[in-house]
Protein backbone atom coordinates (compact mmCIF):
# COMPACT_ATOMS: atom_id res chain seq x y z
CA MET A 1 3.07 25.80 -26.89
CA ALA A 2 6.04 23.45 -26.56
CA GLN A 3 7.76 25.79 -24.12
CA ARG A 4 4.61 26.00 -22.04
CA LEU A 5 4.34 22.21 -21.84
CA GLU A 6 8.01 22.02 -20.85
CA ARG A 7 7.42 24.49 -18.01
CA ILE A 8 4.40 22.46 -16.83
CA ASN A 9 6.47 19.27 -16.81
CA ARG A 10 9.23 20.94 -14.83
CA PHE A 11 6.68 22.21 -12.33
CA LEU A 12 5.12 18.76 -11.93
CA GLU A 13 8.46 17.00 -11.49
CA GLY A 14 9.91 19.63 -9.17
CA VAL A 15 13.64 19.40 -8.47
CA LYS A 16 15.57 17.32 -10.98
CA ARG A 17 16.26 13.91 -9.51
CA ASP A 18 18.30 10.84 -10.29
CA ARG A 19 15.84 8.53 -11.95
CA ARG A 20 16.24 4.77 -12.19
CA GLU A 21 14.34 2.04 -13.99
CA ILE A 22 13.25 -1.04 -12.04
CA THR A 23 11.87 -4.11 -13.76
CA THR A 24 9.32 -5.99 -11.65
CA PRO A 25 9.08 -9.82 -11.66
CA GLU A 26 6.07 -9.38 -13.97
CA GLY A 27 8.28 -7.61 -16.52
CA ILE A 28 6.85 -4.12 -15.95
CA VAL A 29 9.42 -1.31 -16.10
CA LEU A 30 8.93 1.38 -13.46
CA GLU A 31 10.69 4.69 -13.17
CA VAL A 32 11.63 5.70 -9.61
CA ASP A 33 13.38 8.74 -8.18
CA VAL A 34 16.25 8.02 -5.79
CA ALA A 35 15.90 9.89 -2.49
CA ASN A 36 18.60 12.47 -1.96
CA ASN A 37 20.87 12.62 1.09
CA GLY A 38 19.10 15.63 2.55
CA GLU A 39 15.76 13.82 2.60
CA ARG A 40 17.31 10.77 4.20
CA LEU A 41 19.03 12.89 6.84
CA VAL A 42 15.80 14.69 7.70
CA ALA A 43 13.96 11.37 8.00
CA PHE A 44 16.69 9.90 10.22
CA VAL A 45 16.74 12.92 12.54
CA ILE A 46 12.96 12.83 12.95
CA ASP A 47 12.97 9.09 13.64
CA PHE A 48 15.91 9.51 16.02
CA VAL A 49 13.97 12.13 18.02
CA PHE A 50 10.90 9.87 18.20
CA TRP A 51 13.04 6.94 19.31
CA MET A 52 14.82 9.03 21.95
CA LEU A 53 11.52 10.29 23.35
CA GLY A 54 10.21 6.73 23.54
CA THR A 55 13.42 5.51 25.18
CA ILE A 56 13.40 8.30 27.77
CA LEU A 57 9.75 7.62 28.60
CA LEU A 58 10.41 3.90 29.00
CA TYR A 59 13.51 4.63 31.09
CA LEU A 60 11.51 6.85 33.46
CA MET A 61 8.92 4.15 33.88
CA LEU A 62 11.53 1.48 34.58
CA THR A 63 13.36 3.79 36.99
CA LEU A 64 10.28 3.95 39.17
CA LEU A 65 9.78 0.20 39.04
CA VAL A 66 13.07 -1.68 38.68
CA VAL A 67 16.24 0.21 37.82
CA GLU A 68 16.57 2.13 41.09
CA ARG A 69 16.95 -1.21 42.89
CA MET A 70 19.88 -2.29 40.69
CA SER A 71 23.56 -1.45 40.84
CA GLY A 72 24.95 1.19 38.49
CA GLU A 73 26.55 -1.18 35.98
CA VAL A 74 23.54 -3.50 35.83
CA ALA A 75 21.17 -0.56 35.39
CA GLN A 76 23.33 0.83 32.57
CA THR A 77 23.37 -2.53 30.81
CA VAL A 78 19.59 -2.80 31.09
CA ILE A 79 19.13 0.69 29.69
CA PHE A 80 21.44 0.02 26.72
CA PHE A 81 19.66 -3.22 25.94
CA ILE A 82 16.23 -1.57 26.08
CA ALA A 83 17.45 1.26 23.86
CA PHE A 84 18.82 -1.26 21.33
CA LEU A 85 15.59 -3.26 21.36
CA LEU A 86 13.30 -0.25 21.10
CA ARG A 87 15.38 1.34 18.35
CA ASN A 88 15.32 -1.69 16.08
CA LEU A 89 11.70 -2.54 16.79
CA TYR A 90 10.77 1.04 15.92
CA PHE A 91 12.37 0.98 12.47
CA ILE A 92 11.42 -2.61 11.65
CA HIS A 93 7.82 -2.23 12.76
CA PHE A 94 7.12 0.96 10.82
CA GLU A 95 8.90 -0.14 7.66
CA LEU A 96 6.95 -3.39 7.63
CA SER A 97 3.55 -2.01 8.61
CA GLY A 98 3.96 1.37 6.90
CA ARG A 99 4.91 -0.01 3.47
CA GLY A 100 8.56 0.91 3.81
CA ALA A 101 8.05 4.25 5.54
CA THR A 102 8.74 5.23 9.14
CA PRO A 103 7.15 8.43 10.49
CA GLY A 104 10.34 10.32 9.60
CA LYS A 105 10.34 8.94 6.06
CA ARG A 106 6.71 9.93 5.61
CA VAL A 107 7.47 13.49 6.64
CA ALA A 108 10.44 13.59 4.26
CA GLY A 109 8.42 12.01 1.45
CA ILE A 110 10.57 8.90 0.97
CA ARG A 111 10.20 5.16 1.42
CA VAL A 112 12.09 1.87 1.17
CA ILE A 113 11.40 -0.50 -1.73
CA ASP A 114 12.83 -3.76 -2.99
CA ARG A 115 15.60 -3.04 -5.49
CA ARG A 116 14.40 -5.84 -7.79
CA GLY A 117 10.84 -4.53 -7.99
CA GLY A 118 9.25 -7.20 -5.80
CA PRO A 119 7.42 -6.84 -2.49
CA LEU A 120 9.41 -5.55 0.47
CA ARG A 121 10.30 -8.66 2.48
CA ALA A 122 10.56 -8.83 6.26
CA SER A 123 14.04 -10.36 6.02
CA ALA A 124 15.26 -7.38 3.97
CA VAL A 125 13.81 -4.87 6.46
CA ILE A 126 15.39 -6.68 9.41
CA ALA A 127 18.76 -6.95 7.64
CA ARG A 128 18.96 -3.28 6.66
CA ASN A 129 18.03 -2.09 10.14
CA LEU A 130 20.35 -4.41 12.05
CA THR A 131 23.17 -3.30 9.76
CA ARG A 132 22.53 0.26 10.93
CA GLU A 133 23.85 -0.82 14.32
CA LEU A 134 27.25 -1.53 12.74
CA GLU A 135 27.16 1.60 10.60
CA VAL A 136 26.05 4.18 13.15
CA PHE A 137 25.15 3.19 16.66
CA ILE A 138 28.10 0.95 17.61
CA PRO A 139 30.73 3.60 16.70
CA ILE A 140 28.62 6.28 18.41
CA GLY A 141 28.45 4.05 21.47
CA ILE A 142 32.25 3.67 21.40
CA LEU A 143 32.65 7.44 21.29
CA LEU A 144 30.23 7.95 24.17
CA SER A 145 31.80 5.27 26.34
CA ALA A 146 35.29 6.55 25.56
CA GLY A 147 34.29 10.08 26.45
CA SER A 148 32.90 9.02 29.80
CA GLY A 149 35.84 6.75 30.64
CA GLY A 150 39.54 7.23 30.68
CA GLY A 151 42.85 5.55 30.03
CA SER A 152 45.45 5.47 27.27
CA GLY A 153 43.23 3.60 24.84
CA VAL A 154 40.60 6.33 24.64
CA PRO A 155 42.17 8.45 21.81
CA TRP A 156 42.69 5.40 19.58
CA GLY A 157 39.14 4.27 20.26
CA ASN A 158 37.85 7.69 19.25
CA LEU A 159 39.87 7.69 16.04
CA LEU A 160 38.72 4.20 15.16
CA ALA A 161 35.06 5.06 15.74
CA ILE A 162 35.30 8.31 13.78
CA GLY A 163 37.05 6.55 10.89
CA TRP A 164 34.36 3.86 10.97
CA LEU A 165 31.59 6.48 10.68
CA ILE A 166 33.37 8.34 7.90
CA CYS A 167 33.85 5.16 5.83
CA PHE A 168 30.19 4.25 5.91
CA PHE A 169 29.19 7.87 5.27
CA LEU A 170 31.44 8.07 2.20
CA LEU A 171 30.01 4.78 0.95
CA MET A 172 26.56 6.36 0.76
CA ILE A 173 27.85 9.66 -0.64
CA PHE A 174 29.77 8.13 -3.54
CA ASN A 175 27.27 5.36 -4.23
CA ARG A 176 25.35 5.92 -7.46
CA ASP A 177 22.01 5.06 -5.85
CA ARG A 178 22.93 6.53 -2.43
CA MET A 179 22.62 3.12 -0.81
CA ARG A 180 24.15 2.59 2.58
CA ALA A 181 25.64 -0.74 3.59
CA GLY A 182 22.30 -1.98 4.90
CA ASP A 183 20.65 -1.35 1.53
CA LEU A 184 23.44 -3.17 -0.31
CA ILE A 185 23.08 -6.21 1.96
CA ALA A 186 19.28 -6.26 2.03
CA GLY A 187 18.73 -5.47 -1.66
CA THR A 188 16.67 -2.36 -0.92
CA LEU A 189 16.55 1.17 -2.29
CA VAL A 190 15.26 4.39 -0.73
CA ILE A 191 13.19 6.41 -3.18
CA ALA A 192 11.19 9.61 -3.17
CA LEU A 193 7.46 9.07 -3.12
CA PRO A 194 6.05 9.11 -6.65
CA ARG A 195 4.70 12.40 -7.85
CA GLN A 196 2.11 12.75 -10.57
CA ARG A 197 4.46 12.42 -13.53
CA LEU A 198 2.01 12.55 -16.41
CA LEU A 199 2.52 14.03 -19.85
CA GLY A 200 1.76 17.74 -19.77
CA ASP A 201 -0.95 17.77 -22.43
CA LEU A 202 -2.90 15.05 -20.54
CA VAL A 203 -2.85 16.77 -17.15
CA GLU A 204 -5.79 18.66 -15.77
CA THR A 205 -5.30 21.18 -12.99
CA ARG A 206 -8.28 19.78 -11.13
CA ALA A 207 -10.00 16.44 -11.58
CA ARG A 208 -13.73 16.78 -12.09
CA PHE A 209 -14.38 13.04 -12.00
CA VAL A 210 -13.09 11.07 -9.01
CA PHE A 211 -12.64 7.29 -9.01
CA ALA A 212 -12.41 4.82 -6.13
CA ASP A 213 -9.59 2.27 -5.89
CA HIS A 214 -11.91 -0.66 -6.59
CA GLN A 215 -12.86 1.02 -9.89
CA LEU A 216 -9.21 1.47 -10.88
CA THR A 217 -8.31 -2.20 -10.39
CA ALA A 218 -10.18 -3.11 -13.58
CA TYR A 219 -7.50 -1.80 -15.92
CA GLY A 220 -3.78 -2.38 -16.37
CA LYS A 221 -0.73 -0.70 -17.86
CA ARG A 222 -1.25 -1.77 -21.46
CA GLU A 223 -4.85 -0.58 -21.49
CA LEU A 224 -3.63 2.72 -20.07
CA GLN A 225 -1.18 3.11 -22.95
CA ILE A 226 -3.97 2.44 -25.45
CA LEU A 227 -6.13 5.08 -23.79
CA GLU A 228 -3.23 7.56 -23.89
CA ASP A 229 -2.73 6.96 -27.62
CA LEU A 230 -6.43 7.46 -28.21
CA LEU A 231 -6.50 10.75 -26.28
CA ARG A 232 -3.64 12.02 -28.44
CA ARG A 233 -5.42 11.46 -31.70
CA PRO A 234 -6.82 14.50 -33.55
CA GLY A 235 -10.38 15.36 -32.71
CA ASP A 236 -12.01 14.19 -35.93
CA HIS A 237 -15.31 12.36 -36.28
CA GLU A 238 -13.70 8.91 -36.17
CA THR A 239 -11.76 9.71 -32.98
CA GLU A 240 -14.85 11.08 -31.26
CA ALA A 241 -16.75 7.90 -32.10
CA LEU A 242 -13.91 5.79 -30.65
CA LEU A 243 -13.84 7.94 -27.52
CA ARG A 244 -17.57 7.44 -27.01
CA ASP A 245 -17.21 3.69 -27.46
CA VAL A 246 -14.24 3.44 -25.06
CA CYS A 247 -15.99 5.65 -22.53
CA ASP A 248 -19.08 3.43 -22.58
CA ARG A 249 -16.93 0.33 -22.10
CA ILE A 250 -15.05 1.87 -19.17
CA ARG A 251 -18.24 3.08 -17.49
CA ARG A 252 -19.76 -0.40 -17.73
CA LYS A 253 -16.62 -2.10 -16.47
CA ILE A 254 -16.21 0.16 -13.43
CA ASN A 255 -19.97 0.38 -12.77
CA TRP A 256 -20.12 4.15 -13.29
CA THR A 257 -23.83 4.95 -12.94
CA GLU A 258 -23.75 8.76 -12.98
CA PRO A 259 -25.03 10.38 -16.18
CA LEU A 260 -22.38 11.75 -18.53
CA ALA A 261 -22.96 14.49 -21.08
CA PRO A 262 -21.42 13.94 -24.55
CA ALA A 263 -19.35 17.10 -24.13
CA ASP A 264 -17.69 15.62 -21.00
CA ILE A 265 -16.53 12.35 -22.56
CA ARG A 266 -12.98 13.48 -23.28
CA LEU A 267 -12.68 15.11 -19.84
CA PHE A 268 -13.97 11.92 -18.20
CA LEU A 269 -11.37 9.82 -20.04
CA ARG A 270 -8.55 12.24 -19.15
CA ASP A 271 -9.48 12.16 -15.46
CA PHE A 272 -9.69 8.38 -15.61
CA TYR A 273 -6.26 8.22 -17.29
CA THR A 274 -4.73 10.46 -14.60
CA ALA A 275 -6.25 8.49 -11.72
CA GLN A 276 -5.46 5.12 -13.30
CA ARG A 277 -1.79 5.90 -13.92
CA ALA A 278 -1.29 7.26 -10.41
CA PHE A 279 -2.98 4.16 -9.00
CA LEU A 280 -0.77 1.75 -10.97
CA GLU A 281 2.41 3.58 -9.97
CA ARG A 282 1.37 3.56 -6.33
CA GLU A 283 0.52 -0.14 -6.36
CA GLN A 284 3.84 -1.11 -7.91
CA LEU A 285 5.96 1.04 -5.61
CA PHE A 286 4.08 -0.23 -2.56
CA GLY A 287 5.13 -3.76 -3.50
CA ARG A 288 1.74 -5.00 -4.63
CA PRO A 289 2.27 -5.96 -8.27
CA ARG A 290 -0.78 -7.32 -10.02
CA ALA A 291 -1.30 -9.14 -13.29
CA ASP A 292 -2.39 -7.06 -16.27
CA LYS A 293 -5.83 -8.39 -17.13
CA PHE A 294 -5.56 -7.07 -20.66
CA ASP A 295 -2.39 -9.07 -21.28
CA ALA A 296 -3.97 -12.17 -19.77
CA ALA A 297 -6.94 -11.86 -22.07
CA ALA A 298 -4.67 -11.35 -25.06
CA LYS A 299 -2.76 -14.54 -24.26
CA ARG A 300 -6.01 -16.51 -24.05
CA ASP A 301 -7.04 -15.18 -27.45
């Protein structure tokens, strides 16, 4: 039985990851999985393609309207400025409006969070994305301009730009949390999206009872731990009576009006536990910490 549960846990967690603990301002400890370099590279390539397509489309539109009337150097300057503006607006907009995830990050299953467990601030998003210009795009621009130009300074410019890229790349490779310079400055961390990491003996392959978000806001982390302890107790008469009482309380609190057979009480509580834990993890990692109502009530008592 123990080996079976271990296999189930490995299946649920997937590939072994580097896990970190983050303590939120409310004192709640959350476990997060650091995104690996492959996931971050995939996300960057996808976002880079989207940005390039948008830049090319905007360039074609401006060519028909304005650029063709300008001189070559002025047109090139305008194009570079538009590319810079569009690139940074792309990353900043999606990370702010998409809860730390650009389209590429969503495809790769990763997102940006605050390293201290708080909400993801606009200043942090702006800082980490503007730093990318120094890390990646300025040295790439030097290489491109050197390749299209000439003169004795070109080889040294290439070497400097390549060395610049390598230094920042090694910083992320040998960093324990795989943070690039922008993450170090902004206080952010890129994590893999949370999977359903529940204890094997409390996981059902398919949830029979489904709960809406407004029903899951009624309970907090401490209440969830109490429910977990109760579900682990042996199925004697006393435990069954407690389960019935807890189930009635939960149904009243979340306004569950559907009839429930006595034989489904334990299944109902397990499905509620699964949904509640996933909801709390999602809320915390999205930067929307909330007060634990159970703890607040305990303090008043």
